[in-house]
Amino acid sequence: MLSRRELFNPFRMLDELLAEDSGIARVRNTVEMTVSEDAKNYYVRAVVPGFKEDELCVTSTGNRLTVSGKREVTSEGVDLFASERESFERTFSIPRDAVSDDVSAESNNGILVVSIPKRKAVVPETKRIPIKS
């Protein structure tokens, strides 16, 4: 017999539909992320609505950049049937021309922007070689 909570769970049928054996893929703990570049920087933009600055973390280790977040969701006296995006983590490989020790991050209005500067391209000097006869 179903409990009162299970009986009135509007997501029960959805959970059954998305069960692992149903053949429908279930995606968890993801946020929308975009990776782009301009002449000077690489950018990772993450849509993180509801996450506060202290709930987000950006780390750089070697050629890896990890963007993660974790927040506590409180039910405040109501039965909580579903909660999305309580935590997420995504790791990217940083290109060789990136300066991984100069990464910066900024969060504003639910958008996290991580900036990774590119190394300045070294243009080799052209030197004329005299030809002896």
C-alpha atoms as a PDB file:
ATOM      1  CA  MET A   1       0.000   0.000   0.000  1.00  0.00           C
ATOM      2  CA  LEU A   2       1.300   3.471  -0.891  1.00  0.00           C
ATOM      3  CA  SER A   3       1.960   5.963   1.879  1.00  0.00           C
ATOM      4  CA  ARG A   4       0.218   9.339   1.847  1.00  0.00           C
ATOM      5  CA  ARG A   5       3.417  10.974   0.583  1.00  0.00           C
ATOM      6  CA  GLU A   6       3.811   8.433  -2.229  1.00  0.00           C
ATOM      7  CA  LEU A   7       0.121   8.601  -3.123  1.00  0.00           C
ATOM      8  CA  PHE A   8       0.155  12.374  -3.604  1.00  0.00           C
ATOM      9  CA  ASN A   9       3.574  12.565  -5.246  1.00  0.00           C
ATOM     10  CA  PRO A  10       2.924  14.227  -8.621  1.00  0.00           C
ATOM     11  CA  PHE A  11       6.341  13.042  -9.824  1.00  0.00           C
ATOM     12  CA  ARG A  12       5.790   9.344  -9.065  1.00  0.00           C
ATOM     13  CA  MET A  13       4.669   8.485 -12.610  1.00  0.00           C
ATOM     14  CA  LEU A  14       7.494  10.546 -14.079  1.00  0.00           C
ATOM     15  CA  ASP A  15       9.995   8.690 -11.876  1.00  0.00           C
ATOM     16  CA  GLU A  16       8.554   5.361 -13.044  1.00  0.00           C
ATOM     17  CA  LEU A  17       8.733   6.478 -16.668  1.00  0.00           C
ATOM     18  CA  LEU A  18      12.366   7.517 -16.248  1.00  0.00           C
ATOM     19  CA  ALA A  19      13.368   4.325 -14.447  1.00  0.00           C
ATOM     20  CA  GLU A  20      16.664   2.929 -15.701  1.00  0.00           C
ATOM     21  CA  ASP A  21      15.041  -0.017 -17.468  1.00  0.00           C
ATOM     22  CA  SER A  22      12.646   2.179 -19.451  1.00  0.00           C
ATOM     23  CA  GLY A  23      15.252   3.027 -22.091  1.00  0.00           C
ATOM     24  CA  ILE A  24      14.848   6.767 -21.539  1.00  0.00           C
ATOM     25  CA  ALA A  25      18.076   8.466 -20.503  1.00  0.00           C
ATOM     26  CA  ARG A  26      18.009  10.369 -17.246  1.00  0.00           C
ATOM     27  CA  VAL A  27      20.216  13.438 -16.953  1.00  0.00           C
ATOM     28  CA  ARG A  28      21.162  14.559 -13.462  1.00  0.00           C
ATOM     29  CA  ASN A  29      23.214  17.271 -11.893  1.00  0.00           C
ATOM     30  CA  THR A  30      23.799  19.314 -15.007  1.00  0.00           C
ATOM     31  CA  VAL A  31      23.760  23.002 -15.701  1.00  0.00           C
ATOM     32  CA  GLU A  32      23.897  24.720 -19.059  1.00  0.00           C
ATOM     33  CA  MET A  33      27.502  25.543 -19.939  1.00  0.00           C
ATOM     34  CA  THR A  34      29.027  27.289 -22.925  1.00  0.00           C
ATOM     35  CA  VAL A  35      32.719  27.352 -23.830  1.00  0.00           C
ATOM     36  CA  SER A  36      33.954  30.099 -26.160  1.00  0.00           C
ATOM     37  CA  GLU A  37      37.027  32.141 -26.976  1.00  0.00           C
ATOM     38  CA  ASP A  38      38.141  35.477 -28.319  1.00  0.00           C
ATOM     39  CA  ALA A  39      41.614  36.712 -29.257  1.00  0.00           C
ATOM     40  CA  LYS A  40      42.769  37.057 -25.625  1.00  0.00           C
ATOM     41  CA  ASN A  41      40.751  34.591 -23.499  1.00  0.00           C
ATOM     42  CA  TYR A  42      38.826  31.346 -23.268  1.00  0.00           C
ATOM     43  CA  TYR A  43      35.474  31.584 -21.454  1.00  0.00           C
ATOM     44  CA  VAL A  44      33.321  29.065 -19.640  1.00  0.00           C
ATOM     45  CA  ARG A  45      29.821  30.383 -18.945  1.00  0.00           C
ATOM     46  CA  ALA A  46      27.512  28.426 -16.659  1.00  0.00           C
ATOM     47  CA  VAL A  47      23.842  29.162 -15.989  1.00  0.00           C
ATOM     48  CA  VAL A  48      23.553  28.686 -12.220  1.00  0.00           C
ATOM     49  CA  PRO A  49      20.293  30.284 -11.024  1.00  0.00           C
ATOM     50  CA  GLY A  50      19.780  30.103  -7.275  1.00  0.00           C
ATOM     51  CA  PHE A  51      23.428  29.374  -6.466  1.00  0.00           C
ATOM     52  CA  LYS A  52      25.159  31.894  -4.229  1.00  0.00           C
ATOM     53  CA  GLU A  53      28.832  32.802  -4.689  1.00  0.00           C
ATOM     54  CA  ASP A  54      29.920  30.717  -1.689  1.00  0.00           C
ATOM     55  CA  GLU A  55      28.089  27.663  -3.115  1.00  0.00           C
ATOM     56  CA  LEU A  56      30.151  27.730  -6.337  1.00  0.00           C
ATOM     57  CA  CYS A  57      33.719  26.515  -6.784  1.00  0.00           C
ATOM     58  CA  VAL A  58      36.171  26.889  -9.664  1.00  0.00           C
ATOM     59  CA  THR A  59      39.514  25.058  -9.485  1.00  0.00           C
ATOM     60  CA  SER A  60      42.417  24.767 -11.882  1.00  0.00           C
ATOM     61  CA  THR A  61      44.842  21.839 -11.638  1.00  0.00           C
ATOM     62  CA  GLY A  62      47.439  21.417 -14.359  1.00  0.00           C
ATOM     63  CA  ASN A  63      45.522  21.441 -17.631  1.00  0.00           C
ATOM     64  CA  ARG A  64      42.122  20.773 -15.964  1.00  0.00           C
ATOM     65  CA  LEU A  65      39.449  23.296 -15.004  1.00  0.00           C
ATOM     66  CA  THR A  66      36.628  22.141 -12.734  1.00  0.00           C
ATOM     67  CA  VAL A  67      33.425  24.110 -12.182  1.00  0.00           C
ATOM     68  CA  SER A  68      31.157  22.854  -9.412  1.00  0.00           C
ATOM     69  CA  GLY A  69      28.381  23.939  -7.111  1.00  0.00           C
ATOM     70  CA  LYS A  70      26.520  22.572  -4.132  1.00  0.00           C
ATOM     71  CA  ARG A  71      23.599  24.076  -2.264  1.00  0.00           C
ATOM     72  CA  GLU A  72      21.306  23.012   0.495  1.00  0.00           C
ATOM     73  CA  VAL A  73      17.636  22.889  -0.455  1.00  0.00           C
ATOM     74  CA  THR A  74      15.270  23.205   2.484  1.00  0.00           C
ATOM     75  CA  SER A  75      11.673  22.101   2.348  1.00  0.00           C
ATOM     76  CA  GLU A  76      10.563  24.651   4.983  1.00  0.00           C
ATOM     77  CA  GLY A  77       7.773  22.566   6.510  1.00  0.00           C
ATOM     78  CA  VAL A  78       6.424  21.058   3.283  1.00  0.00           C
ATOM     79  CA  ASP A  79       6.927  17.648   1.726  1.00  0.00           C
ATOM     80  CA  LEU A  80       9.632  17.970  -0.927  1.00  0.00           C
ATOM     81  CA  PHE A  81       8.963  15.593  -3.837  1.00  0.00           C
ATOM     82  CA  ALA A  82      11.694  16.697  -6.217  1.00  0.00           C
ATOM     83  CA  SER A  83      14.581  19.118  -6.237  1.00  0.00           C
ATOM     84  CA  GLU A  84      16.824  19.792  -9.214  1.00  0.00           C
ATOM     85  CA  ARG A  85      20.347  21.085  -9.426  1.00  0.00           C
ATOM     86  CA  GLU A  86      21.307  20.746  -5.774  1.00  0.00           C
ATOM     87  CA  SER A  87      24.840  20.030  -6.956  1.00  0.00           C
ATOM     88  CA  PHE A  88      26.812  19.783 -10.177  1.00  0.00           C
ATOM     89  CA  GLU A  89      30.393  19.313 -11.328  1.00  0.00           C
ATOM     90  CA  ARG A  90      32.001  19.588 -14.739  1.00  0.00           C
ATOM     91  CA  THR A  91      35.671  19.290 -15.698  1.00  0.00           C
ATOM     92  CA  PHE A  92      37.241  20.675 -18.862  1.00  0.00           C
ATOM     93  CA  SER A  93      40.675  20.273 -20.432  1.00  0.00           C
ATOM     94  CA  ILE A  94      42.443  23.603 -20.732  1.00  0.00           C
ATOM     95  CA  PRO A  95      44.169  24.229 -24.097  1.00  0.00           C
ATOM     96  CA  ARG A  96      47.972  24.377 -24.127  1.00  0.00           C
ATOM     97  CA  ASP A  97      48.046  28.081 -24.925  1.00  0.00           C
ATOM     98  CA  ALA A  98      46.014  28.961 -21.800  1.00  0.00           C
ATOM     99  CA  VAL A  99      47.541  30.498 -18.676  1.00  0.00           C
ATOM    100  CA  SER A 100      46.043  28.208 -16.031  1.00  0.00           C
ATOM    101  CA  ASP A 101      47.477  30.132 -13.045  1.00  0.00           C
ATOM    102  CA  ASP A 102      45.696  33.354 -14.033  1.00  0.00           C
ATOM    103  CA  VAL A 103      42.088  32.100 -14.172  1.00  0.00           C
ATOM    104  CA  SER A 104      39.369  34.434 -12.880  1.00  0.00           C
ATOM    105  CA  ALA A 105      35.667  33.910 -12.205  1.00  0.00           C
ATOM    106  CA  GLU A 106      32.701  36.214 -11.755  1.00  0.00           C
ATOM    107  CA  SER A 107      29.083  35.464 -10.849  1.00  0.00           C
ATOM    108  CA  ASN A 108      26.295  37.871 -11.689  1.00  0.00           C
ATOM    109  CA  ASN A 109      22.518  37.304 -11.910  1.00  0.00           C
ATOM    110  CA  GLY A 110      22.785  33.499 -12.069  1.00  0.00           C
ATOM    111  CA  ILE A 111      25.545  33.461 -14.693  1.00  0.00           C
ATOM    112  CA  LEU A 112      29.035  32.290 -13.759  1.00  0.00           C
ATOM    113  CA  VAL A 113      31.757  33.415 -16.180  1.00  0.00           C
ATOM    114  CA  VAL A 114      35.227  31.879 -15.909  1.00  0.00           C
ATOM    115  CA  SER A 115      37.950  33.648 -17.902  1.00  0.00           C
ATOM    116  CA  ILE A 116      41.149  31.846 -18.847  1.00  0.00           C
ATOM    117  CA  PRO A 117      43.729  34.087 -20.527  1.00  0.00           C
ATOM    118  CA  LYS A 118      45.686  32.882 -23.538  1.00  0.00           C
ATOM    119  CA  ARG A 119      49.454  33.084 -23.686  1.00  0.00           C
ATOM    120  CA  LYS A 120      50.682  35.825 -25.959  1.00  0.00           C
ATOM    121  CA  ALA A 121      51.789  34.321 -29.215  1.00  0.00           C
ATOM    122  CA  VAL A 122      55.515  34.597 -29.674  1.00  0.00           C
ATOM    123  CA  VAL A 123      56.153  35.838 -33.168  1.00  0.00           C
ATOM    124  CA  PRO A 124      59.604  34.725 -34.232  1.00  0.00           C
ATOM    125  CA  GLU A 125      61.821  37.496 -35.472  1.00  0.00           C
ATOM    126  CA  THR A 126      62.780  37.220 -39.104  1.00  0.00           C
ATOM    127  CA  LYS A 127      66.479  37.637 -39.528  1.00  0.00           C
ATOM    128  CA  ARG A 128      68.144  37.931 -42.888  1.00  0.00           C
ATOM    129  CA  ILE A 129      71.119  35.626 -43.273  1.00  0.00           C
ATOM    130  CA  PRO A 130      73.934  36.963 -45.429  1.00  0.00           C
ATOM    131  CA  ILE A 131      74.995  34.698 -48.266  1.00  0.00           C
ATOM    132  CA  LYS A 132      78.705  34.323 -48.781  1.00  0.00           C
ATOM    133  CA  SER A 133      80.224  33.691 -52.157  1.00  0.00           C
END
